[in-house]
Amino acid sequence: MEENILNVTAEDGSTISVRVLDIIDSAKFNKSFIIYTVNGDDSNIFASILNESESSYSLDLISDEEEINYINQEIDRVVEEMKSEEN
């Protein structure tokens, strides 16, 4: 499986390498969401709002309940796809 690694800037200014599982551009929310793992630990899957500037990426917390419900469904889909790729 191809590794898609993205370096993002955390709130404290540090840089974190994340493995991108999927990026979802949502017209409904007018946002891009990223589903990812950190430090090669595939047992914990995270999702954030992806912000892109000319020179870097940053992640924001998803706090809207409707967005959380939407992204949880997307995480379930990604997990199912990962399982089917393993077989």
PDB file of N, CA and C in Angstrom:
ATOM      1  N   MET A   1       0.842  -1.183   0.000  1.00  0.00           N
ATOM      2  CA  MET A   1       0.000   0.000   0.000  1.00  0.00           C
ATOM      3  C   MET A   1       0.889   1.249   0.000  1.00  0.00           C
ATOM      4  N   GLU A   2       0.538   2.194  -0.803  1.00  0.00           N
ATOM      5  CA  GLU A   2       1.299   3.428  -0.906  1.00  0.00           C
ATOM      6  C   GLU A   2       1.092   4.281   0.338  1.00  0.00           C
ATOM      7  N   GLU A   3       2.191   4.819   0.851  1.00  0.00           N
ATOM      8  CA  GLU A   3       2.124   5.673   2.029  1.00  0.00           C
ATOM      9  C   GLU A   3       1.960   7.128   1.595  1.00  0.00           C
ATOM     10  N   ASN A   4       0.974   7.794   2.126  1.00  0.00           N
ATOM     11  CA  ASN A   4       0.767   9.217   1.877  1.00  0.00           C
ATOM     12  C   ASN A   4       1.042   9.958   3.174  1.00  0.00           C
ATOM     13  N   ILE A   5       2.231  10.514   3.284  1.00  0.00           N
ATOM     14  CA  ILE A   5       2.644  11.203   4.503  1.00  0.00           C
ATOM     15  C   ILE A   5       2.531  12.706   4.280  1.00  0.00           C
ATOM     16  N   LEU A   6       1.950  13.373   5.260  1.00  0.00           N
ATOM     17  CA  LEU A   6       1.767  14.816   5.196  1.00  0.00           C
ATOM     18  C   LEU A   6       2.330  15.414   6.481  1.00  0.00           C
ATOM     19  N   ASN A   7       3.145  16.443   6.346  1.00  0.00           N
ATOM     20  CA  ASN A   7       3.661  17.149   7.517  1.00  0.00           C
ATOM     21  C   ASN A   7       2.723  18.299   7.824  1.00  0.00           C
ATOM     22  N   VAL A   8       2.207  18.313   9.049  1.00  0.00           N
ATOM     23  CA  VAL A   8       1.273  19.361   9.448  1.00  0.00           C
ATOM     24  C   VAL A   8       1.809  20.086  10.673  1.00  0.00           C
ATOM     25  N   THR A   9       1.350  21.311  10.839  1.00  0.00           N
ATOM     26  CA  THR A   9       1.756  22.122  11.977  1.00  0.00           C
ATOM     27  C   THR A   9       0.690  22.024  13.063  1.00  0.00           C
ATOM     28  N   ALA A  10       1.112  21.653  14.258  1.00  0.00           N
ATOM     29  CA  ALA A  10       0.197  21.555  15.394  1.00  0.00           C
ATOM     30  C   ALA A  10      -0.007  22.934  16.006  1.00  0.00           C
ATOM     31  N   GLU A  11      -0.993  23.021  16.904  1.00  0.00           N
ATOM     32  CA  GLU A  11      -1.302  24.310  17.537  1.00  0.00           C
ATOM     33  C   GLU A  11      -0.110  24.907  18.267  1.00  0.00           C
ATOM     34  N   ASP A  12       0.750  24.029  18.818  1.00  0.00           N
ATOM     35  CA  ASP A  12       1.901  24.540  19.565  1.00  0.00           C
ATOM     36  C   ASP A  12       3.075  24.910  18.650  1.00  0.00           C
ATOM     37  N   GLY A  13       2.871  24.785  17.329  1.00  0.00           N
ATOM     38  CA  GLY A  13       3.913  25.157  16.384  1.00  0.00           C
ATOM     39  C   GLY A  13       4.804  24.006  15.957  1.00  0.00           C
ATOM     40  N   SER A  14       4.675  22.851  16.605  1.00  0.00           N
ATOM     41  CA  SER A  14       5.491  21.706  16.223  1.00  0.00           C
ATOM     42  C   SER A  14       4.955  21.085  14.933  1.00  0.00           C
ATOM     43  N   THR A  15       5.812  20.326  14.272  1.00  0.00           N
ATOM     44  CA  THR A  15       5.425  19.659  13.037  1.00  0.00           C
ATOM     45  C   THR A  15       5.227  18.171  13.312  1.00  0.00           C
ATOM     46  N   ILE A  16       4.134  17.634  12.795  1.00  0.00           N
ATOM     47  CA  ILE A  16       3.792  16.229  12.994  1.00  0.00           C
ATOM     48  C   ILE A  16       3.631  15.587  11.621  1.00  0.00           C
ATOM     49  N   SER A  17       4.180  14.380  11.477  1.00  0.00           N
ATOM     50  CA  SER A  17       3.969  13.618  10.248  1.00  0.00           C
ATOM     51  C   SER A  17       2.778  12.700  10.450  1.00  0.00           C
ATOM     52  N   VAL A  18       1.811  12.804   9.547  1.00  0.00           N
ATOM     53  CA  VAL A  18       0.625  11.957   9.643  1.00  0.00           C
ATOM     54  C   VAL A  18       0.495  11.135   8.364  1.00  0.00           C
ATOM     55  N   ARG A  19      -0.038   9.925   8.511  1.00  0.00           N
ATOM     56  CA  ARG A  19      -0.325   9.082   7.347  1.00  0.00           C
ATOM     57  C   ARG A  19      -1.758   9.352   6.931  1.00  0.00           C
ATOM     58  N   VAL A  20      -1.925   9.887   5.750  1.00  0.00           N
ATOM     59  CA  VAL A  20      -3.245  10.260   5.250  1.00  0.00           C
ATOM     60  C   VAL A  20      -3.965   9.012   4.756  1.00  0.00           C
ATOM     61  N   LEU A  21      -5.145   8.765   5.327  1.00  0.00           N
ATOM     62  CA  LEU A  21      -5.981   7.667   4.869  1.00  0.00           C
ATOM     63  C   LEU A  21      -6.979   8.153   3.833  1.00  0.00           C
ATOM     64  N   ASP A  22      -7.462   9.373   3.996  1.00  0.00           N
ATOM     65  CA  ASP A  22      -8.392   9.950   3.034  1.00  0.00           C
ATOM     66  C   ASP A  22      -8.514  11.446   3.297  1.00  0.00           C
ATOM     67  N   ILE A  23      -8.792  12.175   2.239  1.00  0.00           N
ATOM     68  CA  ILE A  23      -9.129  13.594   2.346  1.00  0.00           C
ATOM     69  C   ILE A  23     -10.491  13.755   1.694  1.00  0.00           C
ATOM     70  N   ILE A  24     -11.418  14.331   2.419  1.00  0.00           N
ATOM     71  CA  ILE A  24     -12.785  14.501   1.936  1.00  0.00           C
ATOM     72  C   ILE A  24     -13.065  15.985   1.780  1.00  0.00           C
ATOM     73  N   ASP A  25     -13.378  16.382   0.557  1.00  0.00           N
ATOM     74  CA  ASP A  25     -13.795  17.759   0.301  1.00  0.00           C
ATOM     75  C   ASP A  25     -15.315  17.792   0.378  1.00  0.00           C
ATOM     76  N   SER A  26     -15.835  18.503   1.359  1.00  0.00           N
ATOM     77  CA  SER A  26     -17.280  18.542   1.583  1.00  0.00           C
ATOM     78  C   SER A  26     -17.851  19.872   1.115  1.00  0.00           C
ATOM     79  N   ALA A  27     -18.674  19.796   0.079  1.00  0.00           N
ATOM     80  CA  ALA A  27     -19.365  20.996  -0.384  1.00  0.00           C
ATOM     81  C   ALA A  27     -20.403  21.439   0.640  1.00  0.00           C
ATOM     82  N   LYS A  28     -21.012  20.462   1.314  1.00  0.00           N
ATOM     83  CA  LYS A  28     -22.043  20.777   2.312  1.00  0.00           C
ATOM     84  C   LYS A  28     -21.491  21.680   3.416  1.00  0.00           C
ATOM     85  N   PHE A  29     -20.283  21.350   3.903  1.00  0.00           N
ATOM     86  CA  PHE A  29     -19.688  22.115   4.999  1.00  0.00           C
ATOM     87  C   PHE A  29     -18.675  23.149   4.499  1.00  0.00           C
ATOM     88  N   ASN A  30     -18.397  23.131   3.193  1.00  0.00           N
ATOM     89  CA  ASN A  30     -17.417  24.030   2.595  1.00  0.00           C
ATOM     90  C   ASN A  30     -16.067  23.917   3.300  1.00  0.00           C
ATOM     91  N   LYS A  31     -15.659  22.654   3.553  1.00  0.00           N
ATOM     92  CA  LYS A  31     -14.411  22.373   4.250  1.00  0.00           C
ATOM     93  C   LYS A  31     -13.791  21.110   3.674  1.00  0.00           C
ATOM     94  N   SER A  32     -12.509  20.959   3.928  1.00  0.00           N
ATOM     95  CA  SER A  32     -11.825  19.704   3.649  1.00  0.00           C
ATOM     96  C   SER A  32     -11.545  19.032   4.983  1.00  0.00           C
ATOM     97  N   PHE A  33     -11.826  17.744   5.032  1.00  0.00           N
ATOM     98  CA  PHE A  33     -11.547  16.947   6.228  1.00  0.00           C
ATOM     99  C   PHE A  33     -10.465  15.940   5.882  1.00  0.00           C
ATOM    100  N   ILE A  34      -9.635  15.622   6.861  1.00  0.00           N
ATOM    101  CA  ILE A  34      -8.586  14.634   6.673  1.00  0.00           C
ATOM    102  C   ILE A  34      -8.783  13.518   7.693  1.00  0.00           C
ATOM    103  N   ILE A  35      -8.660  12.295   7.228  1.00  0.00           N
ATOM    104  CA  ILE A  35      -8.704  11.118   8.098  1.00  0.00           C
ATOM    105  C   ILE A  35      -7.294  10.550   8.082  1.00  0.00           C
ATOM    106  N   TYR A  36      -6.720  10.320   9.269  1.00  0.00           N
ATOM    107  CA  TYR A  36      -5.294  10.011   9.327  1.00  0.00           C
ATOM    108  C   TYR A  36      -4.915   9.219  10.571  1.00  0.00           C
ATOM    109  N   THR A  37      -3.681   8.681  10.534  1.00  0.00           N
ATOM    110  CA  THR A  37      -3.063   8.070  11.707  1.00  0.00           C
ATOM    111  C   THR A  37      -1.784   8.847  12.003  1.00  0.00           C
ATOM    112  N   VAL A  38      -1.275   8.680  13.220  1.00  0.00           N
ATOM    113  CA  VAL A  38      -0.068   9.387  13.647  1.00  0.00           C
ATOM    114  C   VAL A  38       0.960   8.366  14.109  1.00  0.00           C
ATOM    115  N   ASN A  39       2.204   8.599  13.749  1.00  0.00           N
ATOM    116  CA  ASN A  39       3.331   7.770  14.193  1.00  0.00           C
ATOM    117  C   ASN A  39       3.174   6.294  13.841  1.00  0.00           C
ATOM    118  N   GLY A  40       2.536   6.009  12.716  1.00  0.00           N
ATOM    119  CA  GLY A  40       2.431   4.632  12.257  1.00  0.00           C
ATOM    120  C   GLY A  40       1.502   3.754  13.069  1.00  0.00           C
ATOM    121  N   ASP A  41       0.729   4.338  13.963  1.00  0.00           N
ATOM    122  CA  ASP A  41      -0.196   3.577  14.799  1.00  0.00           C
ATOM    123  C   ASP A  41      -1.567   3.543  14.127  1.00  0.00           C
ATOM    124  N   ASP A  42      -1.829   2.452  13.374  1.00  0.00           N
ATOM    125  CA  ASP A  42      -3.089   2.345  12.651  1.00  0.00           C
ATOM    126  C   ASP A  42      -4.268   1.976  13.540  1.00  0.00           C
ATOM    127  N   SER A  43      -4.024   1.715  14.815  1.00  0.00           N
ATOM    128  CA  SER A  43      -5.137   1.356  15.713  1.00  0.00           C
ATOM    129  C   SER A  43      -5.912   2.594  16.161  1.00  0.00           C
ATOM    130  N   ASN A  44      -5.323   3.770  16.012  1.00  0.00           N
ATOM    131  CA  ASN A  44      -6.004   5.017  16.354  1.00  0.00           C
ATOM    132  C   ASN A  44      -6.149   5.860  15.106  1.00  0.00           C
ATOM    133  N   ILE A  45      -7.396   6.066  14.686  1.00  0.00           N
ATOM    134  CA  ILE A  45      -7.676   6.861  13.500  1.00  0.00           C
ATOM    135  C   ILE A  45      -8.284   8.188  13.935  1.00  0.00           C
ATOM    136  N   PHE A  46      -7.742   9.258  13.379  1.00  0.00           N
ATOM    137  CA  PHE A  46      -8.170  10.597  13.741  1.00  0.00           C
ATOM    138  C   PHE A  46      -8.789  11.298  12.534  1.00  0.00           C
ATOM    139  N   ALA A  47      -9.538  12.347  12.808  1.00  0.00           N
ATOM    140  CA  ALA A  47     -10.087  13.191  11.753  1.00  0.00           C
ATOM    141  C   ALA A  47     -10.010  14.635  12.217  1.00  0.00           C
ATOM    142  N   SER A  48      -9.721  15.511  11.267  1.00  0.00           N
ATOM    143  CA  SER A  48      -9.621  16.940  11.553  1.00  0.00           C
ATOM    144  C   SER A  48     -10.068  17.715  10.328  1.00  0.00           C
ATOM    145  N   ILE A  49     -10.254  19.001  10.545  1.00  0.00           N
ATOM    146  CA  ILE A  49     -10.468  19.913   9.422  1.00  0.00           C
ATOM    147  C   ILE A  49      -9.084  20.234   8.871  1.00  0.00           C
ATOM    148  N   LEU A  50      -8.917  20.096   7.564  1.00  0.00           N
ATOM    149  CA  LEU A  50      -7.628  20.349   6.926  1.00  0.00           C
ATOM    150  C   LEU A  50      -7.619  21.756   6.346  1.00  0.00           C
ATOM    151  N   ASN A  51      -6.655  22.541   6.791  1.00  0.00           N
ATOM    152  CA  ASN A  51      -6.460  23.893   6.265  1.00  0.00           C
ATOM    153  C   ASN A  51      -5.156  23.913   5.496  1.00  0.00           C
ATOM    154  N   GLU A  52      -5.201  24.440   4.293  1.00  0.00           N
ATOM    155  CA  GLU A  52      -4.015  24.488   3.450  1.00  0.00           C
ATOM    156  C   GLU A  52      -3.672  25.937   3.144  1.00  0.00           C
ATOM    157  N   SER A  53      -2.409  26.287   3.394  1.00  0.00           N
ATOM    158  CA  SER A  53      -1.921  27.601   2.992  1.00  0.00           C
ATOM    159  C   SER A  53      -0.895  27.367   1.879  1.00  0.00           C
ATOM    160  N   GLU A  54      -0.299  28.422   1.399  1.00  0.00           N
ATOM    161  CA  GLU A  54       0.660  28.276   0.299  1.00  0.00           C
ATOM    162  C   GLU A  54       1.852  27.412   0.689  1.00  0.00           C
ATOM    163  N   SER A  55       2.241  27.445   1.953  1.00  0.00           N
ATOM    164  CA  SER A  55       3.470  26.750   2.344  1.00  0.00           C
ATOM    165  C   SER A  55       3.281  25.633   3.366  1.00  0.00           C
ATOM    166  N   SER A  56       2.069  25.476   3.913  1.00  0.00           N
ATOM    167  CA  SER A  56       1.920  24.458   4.954  1.00  0.00           C
ATOM    168  C   SER A  56       0.475  24.014   5.093  1.00  0.00           C
ATOM    169  N   TYR A  57       0.311  22.978   5.893  1.00  0.00           N
ATOM    170  CA  TYR A  57      -1.008  22.458   6.246  1.00  0.00           C
ATOM    171  C   TYR A  57      -1.178  22.583   7.752  1.00  0.00           C
ATOM    172  N   SER A  58      -2.399  22.826   8.179  1.00  0.00           N
ATOM    173  CA  SER A  58      -2.687  22.792   9.614  1.00  0.00           C
ATOM    174  C   SER A  58      -4.012  22.070   9.812  1.00  0.00           C
ATOM    175  N   LEU A  59      -4.197  21.561  11.011  1.00  0.00           N
ATOM    176  CA  LEU A  59      -5.394  20.796  11.348  1.00  0.00           C
ATOM    177  C   LEU A  59      -6.172  21.507  12.432  1.00  0.00           C
ATOM    178  N   ASP A  60      -7.484  21.527  12.279  1.00  0.00           N
ATOM    179  CA  ASP A  60      -8.361  22.113  13.290  1.00  0.00           C
ATOM    180  C   ASP A  60      -9.292  21.040  13.831  1.00  0.00           C
ATOM    181  N   LEU A  61      -9.668  21.216  15.060  1.00  0.00           N
ATOM    182  CA  LEU A  61     -10.595  20.309  15.729  1.00  0.00           C
ATOM    183  C   LEU A  61     -11.977  20.409  15.095  1.00  0.00           C
ATOM    184  N   ILE A  62     -12.614  19.258  14.931  1.00  0.00           N
ATOM    185  CA  ILE A  62     -13.996  19.232  14.451  1.00  0.00           C
ATOM    186  C   ILE A  62     -14.876  19.323  15.692  1.00  0.00           C
ATOM    187  N   SER A  63     -15.633  20.411  15.815  1.00  0.00           N
ATOM    188  CA  SER A  63     -16.428  20.600  17.024  1.00  0.00           C
ATOM    189  C   SER A  63     -17.925  20.650  16.752  1.00  0.00           C
ATOM    190  N   ASP A  64     -18.319  20.857  15.509  1.00  0.00           N
ATOM    191  CA  ASP A  64     -19.732  20.913  15.153  1.00  0.00           C
ATOM    192  C   ASP A  64     -20.310  19.498  15.144  1.00  0.00           C
ATOM    193  N   GLU A  65     -21.411  19.289  15.836  1.00  0.00           N
ATOM    194  CA  GLU A  65     -21.975  17.944  15.972  1.00  0.00           C
ATOM    195  C   GLU A  65     -22.348  17.332  14.620  1.00  0.00           C
ATOM    196  N   GLU A  66     -22.890  18.136  13.721  1.00  0.00           N
ATOM    197  CA  GLU A  66     -23.254  17.626  12.397  1.00  0.00           C
ATOM    198  C   GLU A  66     -22.001  17.193  11.621  1.00  0.00           C
ATOM    199  N   GLU A  67     -20.928  17.961  11.731  1.00  0.00           N
ATOM    200  CA  GLU A  67     -19.666  17.597  11.085  1.00  0.00           C
ATOM    201  C   GLU A  67     -19.088  16.333  11.706  1.00  0.00           C
ATOM    202  N   ILE A  68     -19.181  16.210  13.025  1.00  0.00           N
ATOM    203  CA  ILE A  68     -18.678  15.016  13.715  1.00  0.00           C
ATOM    204  C   ILE A  68     -19.421  13.777  13.236  1.00  0.00           C
ATOM    205  N   ASN A  69     -20.736  13.854  13.149  1.00  0.00           N
ATOM    206  CA  ASN A  69     -21.521  12.713  12.678  1.00  0.00           C
ATOM    207  C   ASN A  69     -21.142  12.346  11.248  1.00  0.00           C
ATOM    208  N   TYR A  70     -20.970  13.360  10.414  1.00  0.00           N
ATOM    209  CA  TYR A  70     -20.583  13.137   9.019  1.00  0.00           C
ATOM    210  C   TYR A  70     -19.228  12.444   8.937  1.00  0.00           C
ATOM    211  N   ILE A  71     -18.250  12.952   9.671  1.00  0.00           N
ATOM    212  CA  ILE A  71     -16.898  12.400   9.552  1.00  0.00           C
ATOM    213  C   ILE A  71     -16.814  11.022  10.192  1.00  0.00           C
ATOM    214  N   ASN A  72     -17.601  10.742  11.216  1.00  0.00           N
ATOM    215  CA  ASN A  72     -17.612   9.396  11.801  1.00  0.00           C
ATOM    216  C   ASN A  72     -18.078   8.368  10.775  1.00  0.00           C
ATOM    217  N   GLN A  73     -19.046   8.721   9.954  1.00  0.00           N
ATOM    218  CA  GLN A  73     -19.482   7.819   8.883  1.00  0.00           C
ATOM    219  C   GLN A  73     -18.356   7.614   7.871  1.00  0.00           C
ATOM    220  N   GLU A  74     -17.627   8.675   7.582  1.00  0.00           N
ATOM    221  CA  GLU A  74     -16.504   8.568   6.639  1.00  0.00           C
ATOM    222  C   GLU A  74     -15.380   7.712   7.223  1.00  0.00           C
ATOM    223  N   ILE A  75     -15.118   7.837   8.520  1.00  0.00           N
ATOM    224  CA  ILE A  75     -14.097   7.003   9.166  1.00  0.00           C
ATOM    225  C   ILE A  75     -14.500   5.540   9.064  1.00  0.00           C
ATOM    226  N   ASP A  76     -15.763   5.238   9.329  1.00  0.00           N
ATOM    227  CA  ASP A  76     -16.242   3.852   9.211  1.00  0.00           C
ATOM    228  C   ASP A  76     -16.008   3.323   7.798  1.00  0.00           C
ATOM    229  N   ARG A  77     -16.268   4.157   6.793  1.00  0.00           N
ATOM    230  CA  ARG A  77     -16.059   3.748   5.401  1.00  0.00           C
ATOM    231  C   ARG A  77     -14.584   3.462   5.138  1.00  0.00           C
ATOM    232  N   VAL A  78     -13.702   4.329   5.620  1.00  0.00           N
ATOM    233  CA  VAL A  78     -12.268   4.151   5.411  1.00  0.00           C
ATOM    234  C   VAL A  78     -11.778   2.878   6.097  1.00  0.00           C
ATOM    235  N   VAL A  79     -12.255   2.623   7.307  1.00  0.00           N
ATOM    236  CA  VAL A  79     -11.857   1.417   8.034  1.00  0.00           C
ATOM    237  C   VAL A  79     -12.283   0.170   7.257  1.00  0.00           C
ATOM    238  N   GLU A  80     -13.498   0.171   6.719  1.00  0.00           N
ATOM    239  CA  GLU A  80     -13.965  -0.962   5.923  1.00  0.00           C
ATOM    240  C   GLU A  80     -13.099  -1.148   4.678  1.00  0.00           C
ATOM    241  N   GLU A  81     -12.724  -0.057   4.021  1.00  0.00           N
ATOM    242  CA  GLU A  81     -11.855  -0.150   2.848  1.00  0.00           C
ATOM    243  C   GLU A  81     -10.488  -0.710   3.222  1.00  0.00           C
ATOM    244  N   MET A  82      -9.956  -0.298   4.381  1.00  0.00           N
ATOM    245  CA  MET A  82      -8.652  -0.807   4.833  1.00  0.00           C
ATOM    246  C   MET A  82      -8.748  -2.312   5.086  1.00  0.00           C
ATOM    247  N   LYS A  83      -9.824  -2.752   5.695  1.00  0.00           N
ATOM    248  CA  LYS A  83     -10.010  -4.176   5.964  1.00  0.00           C
ATOM    249  C   LYS A  83     -10.084  -4.976   4.672  1.00  0.00           C
ATOM    250  N   SER A  84     -10.805  -4.455   3.680  1.00  0.00           N
ATOM    251  CA  SER A  84     -10.942  -5.190   2.428  1.00  0.00           C
ATOM    252  C   SER A  84      -9.627  -5.227   1.647  1.00  0.00           C
ATOM    253  N   GLU A  85      -8.788  -4.200   1.801  1.00  0.00           N
ATOM    254  CA  GLU A  85      -7.476  -4.206   1.143  1.00  0.00           C
ATOM    255  C   GLU A  85      -6.534  -5.220   1.764  1.00  0.00           C
ATOM    256  N   GLU A  86      -6.727  -5.517   3.054  1.00  0.00           N
ATOM    257  CA  GLU A  86      -5.875  -6.489   3.742  1.00  0.00           C
ATOM    258  C   GLU A  86      -6.169  -7.904   3.282  1.00  0.00           C
ATOM    259  N   ASN A  87      -7.381  -8.162   2.822  1.00  0.00           N
ATOM    260  CA  ASN A  87      -7.780  -9.535   2.421  1.00  0.00           C
ATOM    261  C   ASN A  87      -7.357  -9.855   1.015  1.00  0.00           C
TER     262      ASN A  87
END
